[in-house]
PDB file of N, CA and C in Angstrom:
ATOM      1  N   UNK A   1     -20.804  50.131-156.466  1.00  0.00           N
ATOM      2  CA  UNK A   1     -21.348  48.670-156.339  1.00  0.00           C
ATOM      3  C   UNK A   1     -20.380  47.873-155.471  1.00  0.00           C
ATOM      4  N   UNK A   2     -21.047  47.091-154.623  1.00  0.00           N
ATOM      5  CA  UNK A   2     -20.420  46.180-153.685  1.00  0.00           C
ATOM      6  C   UNK A   2     -19.931  44.915-154.350  1.00  0.00           C
ATOM      7  N   UNK A   3     -19.164  44.106-153.715  1.00  0.00           N
ATOM      8  CA  UNK A   3     -18.506  42.915-154.357  1.00  0.00           C
ATOM      9  C   UNK A   3     -19.803  41.838-154.722  1.00  0.00           C
ATOM     10  N   UNK A   4     -20.731  41.732-153.914  1.00  0.00           N
ATOM     11  CA  UNK A   4     -21.816  40.819-154.197  1.00  0.00           C
ATOM     12  C   UNK A   4     -22.590  41.329-155.488  1.00  0.00           C
ATOM     13  N   UNK A   5     -22.742  42.601-155.588  1.00  0.00           N
ATOM     14  CA  UNK A   5     -23.502  43.171-156.721  1.00  0.00           C
ATOM     15  C   UNK A   5     -22.603  42.836-158.042  1.00  0.00           C
ATOM     16  N   UNK A   6     -21.384  43.095-157.929  1.00  0.00           N
ATOM     17  CA  UNK A   6     -20.544  42.938-159.097  1.00  0.00           C
ATOM     18  C   UNK A   6     -20.504  41.399-159.567  1.00  0.00           C
ATOM     19  N   UNK A   7     -20.508  40.558-158.598  1.00  0.00           N
ATOM     20  CA  UNK A   7     -20.610  39.158-158.799  1.00  0.00           C
ATOM     21  C   UNK A   7     -21.977  38.752-159.492  1.00  0.00           C
ATOM     22  N   UNK A   8     -22.983  39.305-159.138  1.00  0.00           N
ATOM     23  CA  UNK A   8     -24.386  39.116-159.661  1.00  0.00           C
ATOM     24  C   UNK A   8     -24.316  39.655-161.190  1.00  0.00           C
ATOM     25  N   UNK A   9     -23.782  40.762-161.474  1.00  0.00           N
ATOM     26  CA  UNK A   9     -23.551  41.262-162.905  1.00  0.00           C
ATOM     27  C   UNK A   9     -22.823  40.230-163.674  1.00  0.00           C
ATOM     28  N   UNK A  10     -21.628  39.820-163.130  1.00  0.00           N
ATOM     29  CA  UNK A  10     -20.725  38.989-163.827  1.00  0.00           C
ATOM     30  C   UNK A  10     -21.494  37.565-164.112  1.00  0.00           C
ATOM     31  N   UNK A  11     -22.229  37.077-163.169  1.00  0.00           N
ATOM     32  CA  UNK A  11     -23.027  35.836-163.419  1.00  0.00           C
ATOM     33  C   UNK A  11     -24.024  36.147-164.567  1.00  0.00           C
ATOM     34  N   UNK A  12     -24.682  37.246-164.648  1.00  0.00           N
ATOM     35  CA  UNK A  12     -25.535  37.475-165.683  1.00  0.00           C
ATOM     36  C   UNK A  12     -24.930  37.639-167.057  1.00  0.00           C
ATOM     37  N   UNK A  13     -23.619  38.095-167.066  1.00  0.00           N
ATOM     38  CA  UNK A  13     -22.954  38.195-168.298  1.00  0.00           C
ATOM     39  C   UNK A  13     -22.430  36.788-168.817  1.00  0.00           C
ATOM     40  N   UNK A  14     -22.055  36.055-167.915  1.00  0.00           N
ATOM     41  CA  UNK A  14     -21.549  34.724-168.218  1.00  0.00           C
ATOM     42  C   UNK A  14     -22.692  33.899-168.729  1.00  0.00           C
ATOM     43  N   UNK A  15     -23.871  34.041-168.285  1.00  0.00           N
ATOM     44  CA  UNK A  15     -25.086  33.351-168.625  1.00  0.00           C
ATOM     45  C   UNK A  15     -25.474  33.901-169.993  1.00  0.00           C
ATOM     46  N   UNK A  16     -24.980  34.989-170.530  1.00  0.00           N
ATOM     47  CA  UNK A  16     -25.363  35.512-171.826  1.00  0.00           C
ATOM     48  C   UNK A  16     -26.577  36.436-171.714  1.00  0.00           C
ATOM     49  N   UNK A  17     -26.888  36.824-170.442  1.00  0.00           N
ATOM     50  CA  UNK A  17     -28.027  37.789-170.240  1.00  0.00           C
ATOM     51  C   UNK A  17     -27.590  39.198-170.088  1.00  0.00           C
ATOM     52  N   UNK A  18     -27.188  39.742-171.283  1.00  0.00           N
ATOM     53  CA  UNK A  18     -26.569  41.086-171.275  1.00  0.00           C
ATOM     54  C   UNK A  18     -27.555  42.206-171.005  1.00  0.00           C
ATOM     55  N   UNK A  19     -28.804  42.014-171.374  1.00  0.00           N
ATOM     56  CA  UNK A  19     -29.855  43.037-171.040  1.00  0.00           C
ATOM     57  C   UNK A  19     -30.086  43.071-169.516  1.00  0.00           C
ATOM     58  N   UNK A  20     -30.154  41.930-168.945  1.00  0.00           N
ATOM     59  CA  UNK A  20     -30.325  41.851-167.509  1.00  0.00           C
ATOM     60  C   UNK A  20     -29.148  42.476-166.755  1.00  0.00           C
ATOM     61  N   UNK A  21     -27.887  42.146-167.213  1.00  0.00           N
ATOM     62  CA  UNK A  21     -26.683  42.771-166.616  1.00  0.00           C
ATOM     63  C   UNK A  21     -26.810  44.276-166.740  1.00  0.00           C
ATOM     64  N   UNK A  22     -27.370  44.798-167.778  1.00  0.00           N
ATOM     65  CA  UNK A  22     -27.325  46.212-167.935  1.00  0.00           C
ATOM     66  C   UNK A  22     -28.398  46.759-166.941  1.00  0.00           C
ATOM     67  N   UNK A  23     -29.474  46.083-166.804  1.00  0.00           N
ATOM     68  CA  UNK A  23     -30.640  46.559-165.756  1.00  0.00           C
ATOM     69  C   UNK A  23     -29.948  46.535-164.354  1.00  0.00           C
ATOM     70  N   UNK A  24     -29.173  45.462-164.123  1.00  0.00           N
ATOM     71  CA  UNK A  24     -28.556  45.313-162.707  1.00  0.00           C
ATOM     72  C   UNK A  24     -27.614  46.501-162.460  1.00  0.00           C
ATOM     73  N   UNK A  25     -26.770  46.789-163.514  1.00  0.00           N
ATOM     74  CA  UNK A  25     -25.716  47.932-163.389  1.00  0.00           C
ATOM     75  C   UNK A  25     -26.611  49.190-163.148  1.00  0.00           C
ATOM     76  N   UNK A  26     -27.608  49.437-163.845  1.00  0.00           N
ATOM     77  CA  UNK A  26     -28.336  50.681-163.592  1.00  0.00           C
ATOM     78  C   UNK A  26     -28.916  50.757-162.159  1.00  0.00           C
ATOM     79  N   UNK A  27     -29.550  49.636-161.856  1.00  0.00           N
ATOM     80  CA  UNK A  27     -30.084  49.650-160.460  1.00  0.00           C
ATOM     81  C   UNK A  27     -29.180  49.826-159.419  1.00  0.00           C
ATOM     82  N   UNK A  28     -28.017  49.087-159.567  1.00  0.00           N
ATOM     83  CA  UNK A  28     -26.963  49.012-158.452  1.00  0.00           C
ATOM     84  C   UNK A  28     -26.313  50.461-158.302  1.00  0.00           C
ATOM     85  N   UNK A  29     -26.383  51.239-159.402  1.00  0.00           N
ATOM     86  CA  UNK A  29     -25.780  52.614-159.340  1.00  0.00           C
ATOM     87  C   UNK A  29     -26.780  53.695-159.086  1.00  0.00           C
ATOM     88  N   UNK A  30     -27.981  53.261-158.719  1.00  0.00           N
ATOM     89  CA  UNK A  30     -28.906  54.241-158.365  1.00  0.00           C
ATOM     90  C   UNK A  30     -29.741  54.962-159.465  1.00  0.00           C
ATOM     91  N   UNK A  31     -29.705  54.280-160.664  1.00  0.00           N
ATOM     92  CA  UNK A  31     -30.421  54.697-161.834  1.00  0.00           C
ATOM     93  C   UNK A  31     -31.806  53.992-161.901  1.00  0.00           C
ATOM     94  N   UNK A  32     -32.870  54.694-162.463  1.00  0.00           N
ATOM     95  CA  UNK A  32     -34.045  53.929-162.738  1.00  0.00           C
ATOM     96  C   UNK A  32     -34.079  53.414-164.056  1.00  0.00           C
ATOM     97  N   UNK A  33     -33.940  52.049-164.284  1.00  0.00           N
ATOM     98  CA  UNK A  33     -33.780  51.519-165.625  1.00  0.00           C
ATOM     99  C   UNK A  33     -35.118  51.917-166.609  1.00  0.00           C
ATOM    100  N   UNK A  34     -36.179  52.227-165.991  1.00  0.00           N
ATOM    101  CA  UNK A  34     -37.333  52.772-166.868  1.00  0.00           C
ATOM    102  C   UNK A  34     -36.921  53.979-167.744  1.00  0.00           C
ATOM    103  N   UNK A  35     -35.900  54.784-167.223  1.00  0.00           N
ATOM    104  CA  UNK A  35     -35.586  56.019-167.944  1.00  0.00           C
ATOM    105  C   UNK A  35     -34.742  55.681-169.230  1.00  0.00           C
ATOM    106  N   UNK A  36     -34.283  54.388-169.284  1.00  0.00           N
ATOM    107  CA  UNK A  36     -33.384  54.049-170.473  1.00  0.00           C
ATOM    108  C   UNK A  36     -34.008  52.883-171.262  1.00  0.00           C
ATOM    109  N   UNK A  37     -34.873  51.988-170.854  1.00  0.00           N
ATOM    110  CA  UNK A  37     -35.451  50.966-171.610  1.00  0.00           C
ATOM    111  C   UNK A  37     -37.090  51.006-171.511  1.00  0.00           C
ATOM    112  N   UNK A  38     -37.690  50.446-172.466  1.00  0.00           N
ATOM    113  CA  UNK A  38     -39.126  50.481-172.590  1.00  0.00           C
ATOM    114  C   UNK A  38     -39.651  49.763-171.338  1.00  0.00           C
ATOM    115  N   UNK A  39     -40.865  50.132-170.860  1.00  0.00           N
ATOM    116  CA  UNK A  39     -41.651  49.482-169.766  1.00  0.00           C
ATOM    117  C   UNK A  39     -41.726  47.995-169.912  1.00  0.00           C
ATOM    118  N   UNK A  40     -42.330  47.660-171.117  1.00  0.00           N
ATOM    119  CA  UNK A  40     -42.592  46.229-171.366  1.00  0.00           C
ATOM    120  C   UNK A  40     -41.307  45.404-171.382  1.00  0.00           C
ATOM    121  N   UNK A  41     -40.208  45.902-171.847  1.00  0.00           N
ATOM    122  CA  UNK A  41     -38.908  45.244-171.965  1.00  0.00           C
ATOM    123  C   UNK A  41     -38.475  44.921-170.495  1.00  0.00           C
ATOM    124  N   UNK A  42     -38.608  46.016-169.702  1.00  0.00           N
ATOM    125  CA  UNK A  42     -38.113  45.914-168.202  1.00  0.00           C
ATOM    126  C   UNK A  42     -38.978  44.899-167.517  1.00  0.00           C
ATOM    127  N   UNK A  43     -40.274  44.866-167.684  1.00  0.00           N
ATOM    128  CA  UNK A  43     -41.119  43.966-167.014  1.00  0.00           C
ATOM    129  C   UNK A  43     -40.852  42.546-167.473  1.00  0.00           C
ATOM    130  N   UNK A  44     -40.594  42.277-168.762  1.00  0.00           N
ATOM    131  CA  UNK A  44     -40.245  40.970-169.239  1.00  0.00           C
ATOM    132  C   UNK A  44     -38.851  40.487-168.576  1.00  0.00           C
ATOM    133  N   UNK A  45     -37.961  41.396-168.487  1.00  0.00           N
ATOM    134  CA  UNK A  45     -36.722  41.024-167.943  1.00  0.00           C
ATOM    135  C   UNK A  45     -36.816  40.617-166.488  1.00  0.00           C
ATOM    136  N   UNK A  46     -37.566  41.320-165.752  1.00  0.00           N
ATOM    137  CA  UNK A  46     -37.825  41.160-164.366  1.00  0.00           C
ATOM    138  C   UNK A  46     -38.530  39.804-164.164  1.00  0.00           C
ATOM    139  N   UNK A  47     -39.547  39.479-164.931  1.00  0.00           N
ATOM    140  CA  UNK A  47     -40.258  38.258-164.871  1.00  0.00           C
ATOM    141  C   UNK A  47     -39.350  37.044-165.241  1.00  0.00           C
ATOM    142  N   UNK A  48     -38.568  37.124-166.364  1.00  0.00           N
ATOM    143  CA  UNK A  48     -37.673  36.077-166.741  1.00  0.00           C
ATOM    144  C   UNK A  48     -36.585  35.775-165.810  1.00  0.00           C
ATOM    145  N   UNK A  49     -36.067  36.867-165.203  1.00  0.00           N
ATOM    146  CA  UNK A  49     -34.935  36.573-164.236  1.00  0.00           C
ATOM    147  C   UNK A  49     -35.471  36.345-162.803  1.00  0.00           C
ATOM    148  N   UNK A  50     -36.596  36.729-162.422  1.00  0.00           N
ATOM    149  CA  UNK A  50     -37.028  36.415-161.099  1.00  0.00           C
ATOM    150  C   UNK A  50     -37.435  34.890-161.084  1.00  0.00           C
ATOM    151  N   UNK A  51     -37.959  34.287-162.139  1.00  0.00           N
ATOM    152  CA  UNK A  51     -38.182  32.820-162.129  1.00  0.00           C
ATOM    153  C   UNK A  51     -36.938  32.088-162.111  1.00  0.00           C
ATOM    154  N   UNK A  52     -36.000  32.549-162.742  1.00  0.00           N
ATOM    155  CA  UNK A  52     -34.642  31.754-162.785  1.00  0.00           C
ATOM    156  C   UNK A  52     -34.023  31.852-161.516  1.00  0.00           C
ATOM    157  N   UNK A  53     -34.047  33.025-160.747  1.00  0.00           N
ATOM    158  CA  UNK A  53     -33.540  33.128-159.480  1.00  0.00           C
ATOM    159  C   UNK A  53     -34.193  32.271-158.408  1.00  0.00           C
ATOM    160  N   UNK A  54     -35.593  32.225-158.538  1.00  0.00           N
ATOM    161  CA  UNK A  54     -36.340  31.320-157.727  1.00  0.00           C
ATOM    162  C   UNK A  54     -36.012  29.897-157.815  1.00  0.00           C
ATOM    163  N   UNK A  55     -35.926  29.448-159.118  1.00  0.00           N
ATOM    164  CA  UNK A  55     -35.504  28.129-159.468  1.00  0.00           C
ATOM    165  C   UNK A  55     -34.197  27.739-158.815  1.00  0.00           C
ATOM    166  N   UNK A  56     -33.208  28.642-158.944  1.00  0.00           N
ATOM    167  CA  UNK A  56     -31.749  28.470-158.509  1.00  0.00           C
ATOM    168  C   UNK A  56     -31.893  28.430-156.945  1.00  0.00           C
ATOM    169  N   UNK A  57     -32.631  29.198-156.341  1.00  0.00           N
ATOM    170  CA  UNK A  57     -32.765  29.184-154.898  1.00  0.00           C
ATOM    171  C   UNK A  57     -33.385  27.788-154.444  1.00  0.00           C
ATOM    172  N   UNK A  58     -34.357  27.336-155.134  1.00  0.00           N
ATOM    173  CA  UNK A  58     -35.059  26.162-154.632  1.00  0.00           C
ATOM    174  C   UNK A  58     -34.108  24.897-154.933  1.00  0.00           C
ATOM    175  N   UNK A  59     -33.419  25.024-156.031  1.00  0.00           N
ATOM    176  CA  UNK A  59     -32.268  23.847-156.198  1.00  0.00           C
ATOM    177  C   UNK A  59     -31.309  23.862-155.190  1.00  0.00           C
ATOM    178  N   UNK A  60     -30.812  25.052-154.663  1.00  0.00           N
ATOM    179  CA  UNK A  60     -29.812  25.103-153.713  1.00  0.00           C
ATOM    180  C   UNK A  60     -30.280  24.595-152.365  1.00  0.00           C
ATOM    181  N   UNK A  61     -31.611  25.083-152.024  1.00  0.00           N
ATOM    182  CA  UNK A  61     -32.166  24.504-150.728  1.00  0.00           C
ATOM    183  C   UNK A  61     -32.442  23.165-150.653  1.00  0.00           C
ATOM    184  N   UNK A  62     -32.772  22.473-151.952  1.00  0.00           N
ATOM    185  CA  UNK A  62     -32.998  21.111-151.818  1.00  0.00           C
ATOM    186  C   UNK A  62     -31.746  20.238-151.731  1.00  0.00           C
ATOM    187  N   UNK A  63     -30.628  20.856-152.039  1.00  0.00           N
ATOM    188  CA  UNK A  63     -29.246  20.109-152.057  1.00  0.00           C
ATOM    189  C   UNK A  63     -28.844  19.963-150.612  1.00  0.00           C
ATOM    190  N   UNK A  64     -29.158  20.921-149.745  1.00  0.00           N
ATOM    191  CA  UNK A  64     -28.717  20.974-148.358  1.00  0.00           C
ATOM    192  C   UNK A  64     -29.409  20.087-147.493  1.00  0.00           C
TER     193      UNK A  64
END
């Protein structure tokens, strides 16, 4: 994992998103998270965290 990926995992942990941090660790290390967690859980995590990332990006862009 590179430095940016590690920072993303740490941000997820600090935010209390431990399941998402696990997904990120698996993905960043070349594993398929679907081999370890149920499909529905994985899709829910993707949806929840994609929305949060989009909101954070829009907030960052509106501040500049």
